[in-house]
Amino acid sequence: MRMEGKRGVVTGAASGMGLAIAAFLLYRATDSTVVSLLGVLLVGTGVGMLYPSSLARAMAAAPGREALASTRSALASVIAIGAGPLALGALADATTIQTASWIILALLLIALATTLDHPQRRARPVSEGG
């Protein structure tokens, strides 16, 4: 058995968002191609940390309905992965890619604020096998 409490999940999500925010600012602050690529790589790493912690939070918030929470989280991820780049591209077409990319920072800041502000139910023991 393992216990995943609110603090561990929130800390993981906040750490991922913090890394992504800092890396995005690094990406935007430099003219160096190598440093920009490093920033983009670190943004992806930070965002990649969000799915497991978001899934854990969704499942902890739905006692007795973890399968439904997991399914809805997967569906939201598929929609975001499919629609996100299209929406960013449409915004870039209407403005510029440099202007449009600021939406990434705005979304990360909103996600961080809601993660830190959102009360969560106490997690209960979860068996290792599922």
Protein backbone atom coordinates (compact mmCIF):
# COMPACT_ATOMS: atom_id res chain seq x y z
CA MET A 1 0.00 0.00 0.00
CA ARG A 2 1.03 3.55 -0.55
CA MET A 3 -0.41 6.83 0.64
CA GLU A 4 -0.51 9.87 -1.56
CA GLY A 5 -1.64 12.83 0.47
CA LYS A 6 -2.64 16.28 -0.65
CA ARG A 7 0.78 17.75 0.03
CA GLY A 8 2.65 15.31 -2.23
CA VAL A 9 0.27 15.71 -5.17
CA VAL A 10 0.06 19.48 -4.89
CA THR A 11 3.82 19.76 -4.47
CA GLY A 12 4.38 17.62 -7.57
CA ALA A 13 1.96 19.67 -9.65
CA ALA A 14 3.33 22.98 -8.37
CA SER A 15 6.91 21.81 -9.02
CA GLY A 16 6.05 20.86 -12.60
CA MET A 17 4.31 24.16 -13.24
CA GLY A 18 7.11 26.10 -11.58
CA LEU A 19 9.67 24.38 -13.80
CA ALA A 20 7.55 25.01 -16.90
CA ILE A 21 7.03 28.70 -16.02
CA ALA A 22 10.72 29.30 -15.33
CA ALA A 23 11.71 27.45 -18.50
CA PHE A 24 9.19 29.40 -20.58
CA LEU A 25 10.65 32.67 -19.30
CA LEU A 26 14.14 31.38 -20.15
CA TYR A 27 12.91 30.50 -23.66
CA ARG A 28 11.42 33.97 -24.16
CA ALA A 29 14.35 35.89 -22.63
CA THR A 30 17.13 34.70 -24.91
CA ASP A 31 18.21 35.11 -28.50
CA SER A 32 20.41 32.01 -28.31
CA THR A 33 19.02 29.05 -30.24
CA VAL A 34 20.64 26.54 -27.89
CA VAL A 35 19.25 28.24 -24.77
CA SER A 36 15.81 28.55 -26.41
CA LEU A 37 15.82 24.84 -27.22
CA LEU A 38 16.84 24.05 -23.65
CA GLY A 39 13.97 26.22 -22.42
CA VAL A 40 11.47 24.43 -24.66
CA LEU A 41 12.80 21.05 -23.50
CA LEU A 42 12.38 22.08 -19.87
CA VAL A 43 8.87 23.44 -20.52
CA GLY A 44 7.95 20.03 -21.89
CA THR A 45 9.52 18.30 -18.91
CA GLY A 46 7.59 20.50 -16.48
CA VAL A 47 4.30 20.00 -18.31
CA GLY A 48 4.99 16.26 -18.51
CA MET A 49 5.08 16.17 -14.72
CA LEU A 50 1.51 17.47 -14.57
CA TYR A 51 -0.40 14.47 -15.93
CA PRO A 52 0.45 12.00 -13.14
CA SER A 53 -0.21 14.54 -10.39
CA SER A 54 -3.41 15.77 -12.05
CA LEU A 55 -4.64 12.21 -12.44
CA ALA A 56 -3.86 11.48 -8.77
CA ARG A 57 -5.76 14.61 -7.70
CA ALA A 58 -8.77 13.72 -9.85
CA MET A 59 -8.91 10.20 -8.48
CA ALA A 60 -8.47 11.37 -4.87
CA ALA A 61 -11.33 13.83 -5.32
CA ALA A 62 -13.71 11.08 -6.46
CA PRO A 63 -13.76 8.38 -3.76
CA GLY A 64 -15.50 5.29 -5.07
CA ARG A 65 -15.53 6.66 -8.63
CA GLU A 66 -11.83 6.51 -9.46
CA ALA A 67 -12.43 4.77 -12.81
CA LEU A 68 -14.75 7.57 -13.94
CA ALA A 69 -12.26 10.22 -12.78
CA SER A 70 -9.45 8.44 -14.63
CA THR A 71 -11.51 8.18 -17.81
CA ARG A 72 -12.49 11.84 -17.71
CA SER A 73 -8.87 12.84 -17.11
CA ALA A 74 -7.75 10.81 -20.12
CA LEU A 75 -10.48 12.36 -22.29
CA ALA A 76 -9.51 15.88 -21.17
CA SER A 77 -5.88 15.11 -22.03
CA VAL A 78 -6.78 13.88 -25.50
CA ILE A 79 -8.87 16.99 -26.16
CA ALA A 80 -6.10 19.29 -24.89
CA ILE A 81 -3.40 17.53 -26.89
CA GLY A 82 -5.54 17.70 -30.03
CA ALA A 83 -7.04 21.16 -29.68
CA GLY A 84 -4.16 23.01 -27.98
CA PRO A 85 -1.78 23.17 -30.93
CA LEU A 86 -4.64 24.04 -33.31
CA ALA A 87 -5.82 26.87 -31.06
CA LEU A 88 -2.26 28.16 -30.65
CA GLY A 89 -1.77 28.02 -34.42
CA ALA A 90 -5.01 29.91 -35.06
CA LEU A 91 -4.00 32.56 -32.55
CA ALA A 92 -0.55 32.78 -34.17
CA ASP A 93 -2.18 33.22 -37.59
CA ALA A 94 -4.29 36.06 -36.20
CA THR A 95 -1.31 37.72 -34.46
CA THR A 96 2.26 36.40 -34.45
CA ILE A 97 3.78 33.22 -33.01
CA GLN A 98 5.70 35.33 -30.48
CA THR A 99 2.50 37.00 -29.27
CA ALA A 100 0.50 33.78 -29.33
CA SER A 101 3.07 31.88 -27.29
CA TRP A 102 2.32 34.08 -24.27
CA ILE A 103 -0.94 32.15 -23.87
CA ILE A 104 1.21 29.24 -22.67
CA LEU A 105 2.47 31.31 -19.75
CA ALA A 106 -1.03 32.58 -18.99
CA LEU A 107 -2.42 29.03 -18.87
CA LEU A 108 0.45 27.82 -16.67
CA LEU A 109 -0.11 30.70 -14.23
CA ILE A 110 -3.86 29.99 -14.09
CA ALA A 111 -3.17 26.30 -13.51
CA LEU A 112 -0.67 27.09 -10.75
CA ALA A 113 -3.10 29.47 -9.03
CA THR A 114 -5.95 26.95 -9.11
CA THR A 115 -3.69 24.14 -7.92
CA LEU A 116 -2.47 26.09 -4.92
CA ASP A 117 -5.93 27.47 -4.08
CA HIS A 118 -8.06 24.35 -4.65
CA PRO A 119 -9.04 22.42 -1.52
CA GLN A 120 -8.71 18.68 -1.98
CA ARG A 121 -10.26 15.82 -0.08
CA ARG A 122 -7.87 13.77 1.95
CA ALA A 123 -6.55 10.86 -0.05
CA ARG A 124 -7.08 7.36 1.28
CA PRO A 125 -4.87 4.28 0.95
CA VAL A 126 -4.53 2.91 -2.57
CA SER A 127 -3.31 -0.61 -3.29
CA GLU A 128 -0.22 -0.93 -5.47
CA GLY A 129 -2.00 -3.16 -7.98
CA GLY A 130 -4.65 -0.62 -8.87
